[in-house]
Amino acid sequence: MTKPKLVYTTFIRTTPKAVWAAITKPEFTAQYWGQMTNVSDWKKGSKWEHHNPEHEVWVTGKVLESTPPKRLVLSWADPDDLKDKSRVTFEIEAIEDMTCLTVTHGNFVAGSTMVKKVSGGWPRVLSSLKTYLETGKGLNIFCK
């Protein structure tokens, strides 16, 4: 069985610096990621955490690469099952008056339960990020 690799590309009418800030600054992630925040100093080798509004850690990992505002690579794991680790790459590229954001989530371990969780989550989160950066208001990513 081959390991899945999820790839999402979106074009956003904004700058690479704004996309980088939206991914890395908790005050911005809360605006489009259902009040969830990403917390780290974003330096290679540093720990990063994805918190819910009660500051509980939902996802954790390490910063594997950090080249602001172009590329960020993270390990990704549920804190309750650190062996179910995967890898997320954010590639940010300016194209005329917009920014191309490509998010690749892969390197899942065999039998990973994370694949199902993130395959439904990334499309909503990235749509909300685009909407937030273009209009100032994110989407309700938890609606049914």
N, C-alpha and C. Protein backbone atom coordinates (compact mmCIF):
# COMPACT_ATOMS: atom_id res chain seq x y z
N MET A 1 0.84 -1.19 0.00
CA MET A 1 0.00 0.00 0.00
C MET A 1 0.88 1.25 0.00
N THR A 2 0.57 2.21 -0.85
CA THR A 2 1.35 3.44 -0.89
C THR A 2 0.83 4.41 0.18
N LYS A 3 1.74 5.21 0.65
CA LYS A 3 1.37 6.22 1.65
C LYS A 3 0.69 7.39 0.94
N PRO A 4 -0.40 7.90 1.50
CA PRO A 4 -1.06 9.04 0.86
C PRO A 4 -0.24 10.31 1.00
N LYS A 5 -0.42 11.18 0.04
CA LYS A 5 0.17 12.52 0.09
C LYS A 5 -0.93 13.47 -0.34
N LEU A 6 -1.32 14.34 0.57
CA LEU A 6 -2.38 15.31 0.30
C LEU A 6 -1.75 16.62 -0.12
N VAL A 7 -2.19 17.17 -1.25
CA VAL A 7 -1.63 18.42 -1.75
C VAL A 7 -2.78 19.38 -2.04
N TYR A 8 -2.69 20.58 -1.47
CA TYR A 8 -3.71 21.61 -1.65
C TYR A 8 -3.02 22.88 -2.12
N THR A 9 -3.53 23.46 -3.20
CA THR A 9 -2.98 24.71 -3.73
C THR A 9 -4.10 25.73 -3.80
N THR A 10 -3.80 26.93 -3.32
CA THR A 10 -4.77 28.02 -3.41
C THR A 10 -4.04 29.30 -3.76
N PHE A 11 -4.75 30.18 -4.45
CA PHE A 11 -4.21 31.47 -4.84
C PHE A 11 -4.95 32.53 -4.05
N ILE A 12 -4.20 33.41 -3.38
CA ILE A 12 -4.77 34.39 -2.46
C ILE A 12 -4.32 35.78 -2.88
N ARG A 13 -5.25 36.70 -2.94
CA ARG A 13 -4.90 38.08 -3.29
C ARG A 13 -4.32 38.76 -2.04
N THR A 14 -3.04 38.50 -1.82
CA THR A 14 -2.31 39.08 -0.70
C THR A 14 -0.82 38.86 -0.94
N THR A 15 0.00 39.20 0.04
CA THR A 15 1.45 39.06 -0.07
C THR A 15 1.93 37.79 0.62
N PRO A 16 3.11 37.29 0.24
CA PRO A 16 3.69 36.16 0.96
C PRO A 16 3.88 36.46 2.46
N LYS A 17 4.25 37.67 2.80
CA LYS A 17 4.42 38.03 4.23
C LYS A 17 3.11 37.89 4.99
N ALA A 18 2.00 38.28 4.37
CA ALA A 18 0.70 38.16 5.03
C ALA A 18 0.31 36.69 5.21
N VAL A 19 0.60 35.85 4.21
CA VAL A 19 0.31 34.42 4.33
C VAL A 19 1.17 33.82 5.45
N TRP A 20 2.46 34.14 5.47
CA TRP A 20 3.35 33.64 6.52
C TRP A 20 2.81 34.03 7.90
N ALA A 21 2.45 35.29 8.06
CA ALA A 21 1.92 35.76 9.35
C ALA A 21 0.64 35.02 9.72
N ALA A 22 -0.22 34.77 8.73
CA ALA A 22 -1.48 34.08 9.00
C ALA A 22 -1.24 32.66 9.50
N ILE A 23 -0.19 32.03 9.02
CA ILE A 23 0.13 30.66 9.44
C ILE A 23 0.84 30.64 10.79
N THR A 24 1.67 31.62 11.07
CA THR A 24 2.58 31.55 12.23
C THR A 24 2.21 32.42 13.42
N LYS A 25 1.30 33.35 13.28
CA LYS A 25 0.96 34.24 14.40
C LYS A 25 -0.39 33.84 15.00
N PRO A 26 -0.41 33.50 16.30
CA PRO A 26 -1.64 33.02 16.93
C PRO A 26 -2.83 33.97 16.78
N GLU A 27 -2.57 35.28 16.82
CA GLU A 27 -3.68 36.23 16.69
C GLU A 27 -4.34 36.15 15.32
N PHE A 28 -3.61 35.68 14.32
CA PHE A 28 -4.19 35.51 12.99
C PHE A 28 -4.81 34.13 12.82
N THR A 29 -4.12 33.07 13.27
CA THR A 29 -4.68 31.73 13.08
C THR A 29 -6.04 31.61 13.75
N ALA A 30 -6.21 32.26 14.88
CA ALA A 30 -7.50 32.20 15.58
C ALA A 30 -8.63 32.77 14.72
N GLN A 31 -8.32 33.68 13.82
CA GLN A 31 -9.34 34.33 13.01
C GLN A 31 -9.93 33.42 11.92
N TYR A 32 -9.16 32.45 11.47
CA TYR A 32 -9.66 31.61 10.37
C TYR A 32 -9.64 30.11 10.70
N TRP A 33 -9.03 29.72 11.82
CA TRP A 33 -8.88 28.30 12.13
C TRP A 33 -9.74 27.93 13.33
N GLY A 34 -10.96 28.46 13.39
CA GLY A 34 -11.91 28.11 14.44
C GLY A 34 -11.42 28.42 15.84
N GLN A 35 -10.77 29.54 16.02
CA GLN A 35 -10.19 29.99 17.29
C GLN A 35 -8.97 29.17 17.73
N MET A 36 -8.50 28.27 16.86
CA MET A 36 -7.29 27.50 17.14
C MET A 36 -6.07 28.37 16.86
N THR A 37 -4.98 28.12 17.56
CA THR A 37 -3.77 28.92 17.38
C THR A 37 -2.55 28.03 17.15
N ASN A 38 -1.61 28.53 16.38
CA ASN A 38 -0.32 27.89 16.17
C ASN A 38 0.72 28.66 16.98
N VAL A 39 1.48 27.95 17.80
CA VAL A 39 2.39 28.61 18.73
C VAL A 39 3.80 28.02 18.58
N SER A 40 4.78 28.89 18.33
CA SER A 40 6.19 28.50 18.24
C SER A 40 7.01 29.76 18.04
N ASP A 41 8.33 29.62 18.09
CA ASP A 41 9.19 30.72 17.65
C ASP A 41 9.56 30.54 16.18
N TRP A 42 9.14 29.41 15.57
CA TRP A 42 9.26 29.10 14.15
C TRP A 42 10.71 29.01 13.67
N LYS A 43 11.62 28.67 14.58
CA LYS A 43 13.01 28.43 14.20
C LYS A 43 13.22 26.94 14.01
N LYS A 44 14.08 26.57 13.07
CA LYS A 44 14.37 25.17 12.81
C LYS A 44 14.77 24.47 14.11
N GLY A 45 14.14 23.32 14.36
CA GLY A 45 14.42 22.54 15.57
C GLY A 45 13.52 22.85 16.74
N SER A 46 12.76 23.94 16.65
CA SER A 46 11.87 24.34 17.74
C SER A 46 10.60 23.50 17.76
N LYS A 47 10.00 23.42 18.92
CA LYS A 47 8.70 22.77 19.07
C LYS A 47 7.62 23.73 18.56
N TRP A 48 6.55 23.18 18.03
CA TRP A 48 5.37 23.98 17.70
C TRP A 48 4.14 23.24 18.22
N GLU A 49 3.09 23.99 18.52
CA GLU A 49 1.85 23.40 19.01
C GLU A 49 0.65 24.10 18.38
N HIS A 50 -0.40 23.32 18.20
CA HIS A 50 -1.68 23.82 17.69
C HIS A 50 -2.66 23.68 18.85
N HIS A 51 -3.14 24.83 19.38
CA HIS A 51 -3.97 24.85 20.59
C HIS A 51 -5.43 25.13 20.26
N ASN A 52 -6.33 24.54 21.06
CA ASN A 52 -7.74 24.92 20.98
C ASN A 52 -7.94 26.17 21.85
N PRO A 53 -9.15 26.77 21.87
CA PRO A 53 -9.35 28.00 22.64
C PRO A 53 -9.08 27.86 24.14
N GLU A 54 -9.13 26.64 24.67
CA GLU A 54 -8.83 26.42 26.10
C GLU A 54 -7.34 26.17 26.31
N HIS A 55 -6.53 26.37 25.28
CA HIS A 55 -5.07 26.21 25.29
C HIS A 55 -4.64 24.76 25.46
N GLU A 56 -5.53 23.81 25.13
CA GLU A 56 -5.15 22.40 25.10
C GLU A 56 -4.45 22.13 23.77
N VAL A 57 -3.43 21.30 23.79
CA VAL A 57 -2.67 20.99 22.58
C VAL A 57 -3.40 19.93 21.77
N TRP A 58 -3.75 20.26 20.53
CA TRP A 58 -4.42 19.33 19.63
C TRP A 58 -3.44 18.66 18.69
N VAL A 59 -2.40 19.39 18.31
CA VAL A 59 -1.36 18.86 17.42
C VAL A 59 -0.03 19.41 17.92
N THR A 60 1.01 18.60 17.78
CA THR A 60 2.34 19.03 18.19
C THR A 60 3.37 18.53 17.21
N GLY A 61 4.53 19.11 17.26
CA GLY A 61 5.61 18.66 16.38
C GLY A 61 6.81 19.56 16.50
N LYS A 62 7.68 19.42 15.51
CA LYS A 62 8.92 20.20 15.44
C LYS A 62 8.94 21.00 14.14
N VAL A 63 9.62 22.13 14.18
CA VAL A 63 9.87 22.91 12.98
C VAL A 63 11.07 22.27 12.29
N LEU A 64 10.85 21.70 11.11
CA LEU A 64 11.91 21.01 10.38
C LEU A 64 12.66 21.95 9.44
N GLU A 65 11.95 22.92 8.86
CA GLU A 65 12.55 23.95 8.01
C GLU A 65 11.76 25.23 8.22
N SER A 66 12.45 26.36 8.15
CA SER A 66 11.77 27.64 8.28
C SER A 66 12.53 28.69 7.47
N THR A 67 11.90 29.12 6.38
CA THR A 67 12.47 30.14 5.51
C THR A 67 11.41 31.19 5.25
N PRO A 68 11.21 32.13 6.20
CA PRO A 68 10.17 33.14 6.03
C PRO A 68 10.46 34.04 4.84
N PRO A 69 9.48 34.46 4.10
CA PRO A 69 8.09 34.01 4.08
C PRO A 69 7.83 33.02 2.95
N LYS A 70 8.75 32.08 2.73
CA LYS A 70 8.65 31.20 1.56
C LYS A 70 8.31 29.75 1.86
N ARG A 71 8.83 29.21 2.96
CA ARG A 71 8.69 27.77 3.18
C ARG A 71 8.73 27.45 4.67
N LEU A 72 7.80 26.60 5.08
CA LEU A 72 7.75 26.12 6.46
C LEU A 72 7.42 24.64 6.41
N VAL A 73 8.24 23.84 7.09
CA VAL A 73 8.03 22.39 7.12
C VAL A 73 7.95 21.97 8.59
N LEU A 74 6.89 21.22 8.91
CA LEU A 74 6.62 20.82 10.29
C LEU A 74 6.40 19.32 10.39
N SER A 75 6.86 18.72 11.48
CA SER A 75 6.35 17.38 11.81
C SER A 75 5.01 17.62 12.48
N TRP A 76 4.11 16.63 12.43
CA TRP A 76 2.72 16.81 12.84
C TRP A 76 2.27 15.54 13.54
N ALA A 77 1.82 15.64 14.79
CA ALA A 77 1.37 14.45 15.52
C ALA A 77 0.32 14.83 16.55
N ASP A 78 -0.58 13.91 16.80
CA ASP A 78 -1.55 14.03 17.90
C ASP A 78 -0.77 13.82 19.19
N PRO A 79 -0.89 14.72 20.18
CA PRO A 79 -0.12 14.56 21.41
C PRO A 79 -0.46 13.27 22.17
N ASP A 80 -1.62 12.67 21.88
CA ASP A 80 -2.00 11.41 22.53
C ASP A 80 -1.46 10.19 21.78
N ASP A 81 -0.88 10.40 20.60
CA ASP A 81 -0.32 9.29 19.82
C ASP A 81 0.85 9.82 19.01
N LEU A 82 1.96 10.09 19.67
CA LEU A 82 3.12 10.72 19.02
C LEU A 82 3.76 9.84 17.95
N LYS A 83 3.47 8.55 17.95
CA LYS A 83 4.03 7.66 16.92
C LYS A 83 3.33 7.85 15.57
N ASP A 84 2.11 8.38 15.58
CA ASP A 84 1.35 8.63 14.36
C ASP A 84 1.77 10.00 13.80
N LYS A 85 3.02 10.07 13.38
CA LYS A 85 3.62 11.33 12.94
C LYS A 85 3.52 11.47 11.43
N SER A 86 3.39 12.71 10.98
CA SER A 86 3.40 13.01 9.55
C SER A 86 4.15 14.33 9.35
N ARG A 87 4.09 14.84 8.13
CA ARG A 87 4.87 16.04 7.80
C ARG A 87 4.02 16.98 6.95
N VAL A 88 4.08 18.26 7.29
CA VAL A 88 3.34 19.28 6.55
C VAL A 88 4.33 20.30 6.00
N THR A 89 4.17 20.62 4.72
CA THR A 89 5.02 21.62 4.07
C THR A 89 4.13 22.73 3.54
N PHE A 90 4.45 23.96 3.92
CA PHE A 90 3.79 25.15 3.39
C PHE A 90 4.77 25.82 2.44
N GLU A 91 4.41 25.93 1.16
CA GLU A 91 5.23 26.63 0.18
C GLU A 91 4.47 27.87 -0.26
N ILE A 92 5.13 29.01 -0.18
CA ILE A 92 4.49 30.31 -0.40
C ILE A 92 5.26 31.03 -1.51
N GLU A 93 4.54 31.39 -2.58
CA GLU A 93 5.20 32.00 -3.73
C GLU A 93 4.40 33.18 -4.26
N ALA A 94 5.06 34.31 -4.43
CA ALA A 94 4.41 35.49 -5.02
C ALA A 94 4.25 35.27 -6.52
N ILE A 95 3.04 35.59 -7.02
CA ILE A 95 2.76 35.54 -8.45
C ILE A 95 1.96 36.80 -8.78
N GLU A 96 2.63 37.77 -9.37
CA GLU A 96 2.02 39.07 -9.68
C GLU A 96 1.37 39.66 -8.43
N ASP A 97 0.05 39.90 -8.44
CA ASP A 97 -0.60 40.55 -7.30
C ASP A 97 -1.23 39.55 -6.34
N MET A 98 -0.77 38.30 -6.37
CA MET A 98 -1.32 37.28 -5.48
C MET A 98 -0.20 36.38 -4.97
N THR A 99 -0.60 35.48 -4.11
CA THR A 99 0.33 34.51 -3.54
C THR A 99 -0.22 33.12 -3.74
N CYS A 100 0.64 32.22 -4.21
CA CYS A 100 0.27 30.81 -4.35
C CYS A 100 0.73 30.11 -3.07
N LEU A 101 -0.21 29.49 -2.38
CA LEU A 101 0.08 28.71 -1.19
C LEU A 101 -0.18 27.25 -1.52
N THR A 102 0.85 26.42 -1.38
CA THR A 102 0.71 24.98 -1.57
C THR A 102 1.02 24.30 -0.25
N VAL A 103 0.07 23.53 0.23
CA VAL A 103 0.23 22.78 1.48
C VAL A 103 0.26 21.30 1.12
N THR A 104 1.34 20.64 1.51
CA THR A 104 1.50 19.21 1.26
C THR A 104 1.58 18.51 2.60
N HIS A 105 0.66 17.58 2.83
CA HIS A 105 0.66 16.79 4.07
C HIS A 105 0.90 15.35 3.67
N GLY A 106 2.03 14.80 4.11
CA GLY A 106 2.40 13.45 3.72
C GLY A 106 3.28 12.80 4.77
N ASN A 107 4.03 11.80 4.33
CA ASN A 107 4.90 11.03 5.22
C ASN A 107 4.11 10.43 6.39
N PHE A 108 2.88 10.00 6.12
CA PHE A 108 2.07 9.35 7.15
C PHE A 108 2.64 7.96 7.44
N VAL A 109 2.56 7.54 8.69
CA VAL A 109 2.97 6.18 9.04
C VAL A 109 1.88 5.22 8.58
N ALA A 110 2.24 3.96 8.37
CA ALA A 110 1.27 2.95 7.96
C ALA A 110 0.16 2.85 9.01
N GLY A 111 -1.07 2.83 8.56
CA GLY A 111 -2.21 2.73 9.47
C GLY A 111 -2.57 4.02 10.19
N SER A 112 -2.05 5.13 9.73
CA SER A 112 -2.29 6.42 10.38
C SER A 112 -3.77 6.76 10.45
N THR A 113 -4.21 7.24 11.62
CA THR A 113 -5.57 7.75 11.76
C THR A 113 -5.62 9.25 11.41
N MET A 114 -4.45 9.87 11.29
CA MET A 114 -4.37 11.30 11.01
C MET A 114 -4.82 11.62 9.59
N VAL A 115 -4.64 10.69 8.65
CA VAL A 115 -5.00 10.95 7.26
C VAL A 115 -6.46 11.37 7.14
N LYS A 116 -7.34 10.62 7.76
CA LYS A 116 -8.77 10.93 7.68
C LYS A 116 -9.08 12.27 8.33
N LYS A 117 -8.44 12.55 9.46
CA LYS A 117 -8.69 13.82 10.17
C LYS A 117 -8.30 15.02 9.31
N VAL A 118 -7.09 14.99 8.76
CA VAL A 118 -6.62 16.18 8.05
C VAL A 118 -7.17 16.30 6.64
N SER A 119 -7.55 15.18 6.01
CA SER A 119 -8.08 15.28 4.64
C SER A 119 -9.41 16.03 4.62
N GLY A 120 -10.16 15.98 5.69
CA GLY A 120 -11.38 16.77 5.79
C GLY A 120 -11.14 18.18 6.32
N GLY A 121 -10.07 18.34 7.08
CA GLY A 121 -9.79 19.63 7.71
C GLY A 121 -9.09 20.64 6.82
N TRP A 122 -8.06 20.20 6.08
CA TRP A 122 -7.29 21.15 5.28
C TRP A 122 -8.14 21.95 4.29
N PRO A 123 -9.05 21.35 3.53
CA PRO A 123 -9.83 22.18 2.60
C PRO A 123 -10.61 23.30 3.29
N ARG A 124 -11.17 23.01 4.45
CA ARG A 124 -11.92 24.05 5.18
C ARG A 124 -10.99 25.13 5.72
N VAL A 125 -9.88 24.70 6.33
CA VAL A 125 -8.95 25.66 6.92
C VAL A 125 -8.35 26.57 5.84
N LEU A 126 -7.94 25.98 4.73
CA LEU A 126 -7.31 26.79 3.68
C LEU A 126 -8.32 27.71 2.98
N SER A 127 -9.55 27.27 2.84
CA SER A 127 -10.59 28.16 2.30
C SER A 127 -10.85 29.32 3.25
N SER A 128 -10.85 29.02 4.54
CA SER A 128 -11.06 30.06 5.54
C SER A 128 -9.88 31.04 5.57
N LEU A 129 -8.66 30.52 5.44
CA LEU A 129 -7.47 31.38 5.41
C LEU A 129 -7.55 32.34 4.24
N LYS A 130 -7.89 31.83 3.05
CA LYS A 130 -8.02 32.68 1.87
C LYS A 130 -9.10 33.75 2.08
N THR A 131 -10.25 33.32 2.58
CA THR A 131 -11.34 34.25 2.81
C THR A 131 -10.94 35.32 3.83
N TYR A 132 -10.29 34.89 4.90
CA TYR A 132 -9.83 35.84 5.95
C TYR A 132 -8.86 36.87 5.36
N LEU A 133 -7.87 36.40 4.61
CA LEU A 133 -6.88 37.34 4.09
C LEU A 133 -7.47 38.28 3.04
N GLU A 134 -8.49 37.84 2.33
CA GLU A 134 -9.07 38.69 1.29
C GLU A 134 -10.22 39.56 1.78
N THR A 135 -10.89 39.16 2.87
CA THR A 135 -12.06 39.91 3.32
C THR A 135 -11.98 40.39 4.77
N GLY A 136 -11.05 39.82 5.55
CA GLY A 136 -10.94 40.19 6.96
C GLY A 136 -11.76 39.32 7.89
N LYS A 137 -12.47 38.33 7.33
CA LYS A 137 -13.29 37.45 8.16
C LYS A 137 -13.18 36.01 7.65
N GLY A 138 -12.83 35.09 8.57
CA GLY A 138 -12.72 33.68 8.21
C GLY A 138 -14.08 33.01 8.15
N LEU A 139 -14.08 31.75 7.73
CA LEU A 139 -15.30 30.94 7.63
C LEU A 139 -15.49 30.13 8.91
N ASN A 140 -16.70 29.63 9.11
CA ASN A 140 -16.97 28.70 10.22
C ASN A 140 -16.52 27.32 9.77
N ILE A 141 -15.30 26.93 10.14
CA ILE A 141 -14.74 25.67 9.65
C ILE A 141 -15.37 24.45 10.33
N PHE A 142 -16.09 24.66 11.43
CA PHE A 142 -16.69 23.54 12.15
C PHE A 142 -18.16 23.32 11.83
N CYS A 143 -18.71 24.08 10.86
CA CYS A 143 -20.12 23.90 10.51
C CYS A 143 -20.33 22.52 9.90
N LYS A 144 -21.55 22.00 10.01
CA LYS A 144 -21.85 20.68 9.48
C LYS A 144 -22.66 20.76 8.22
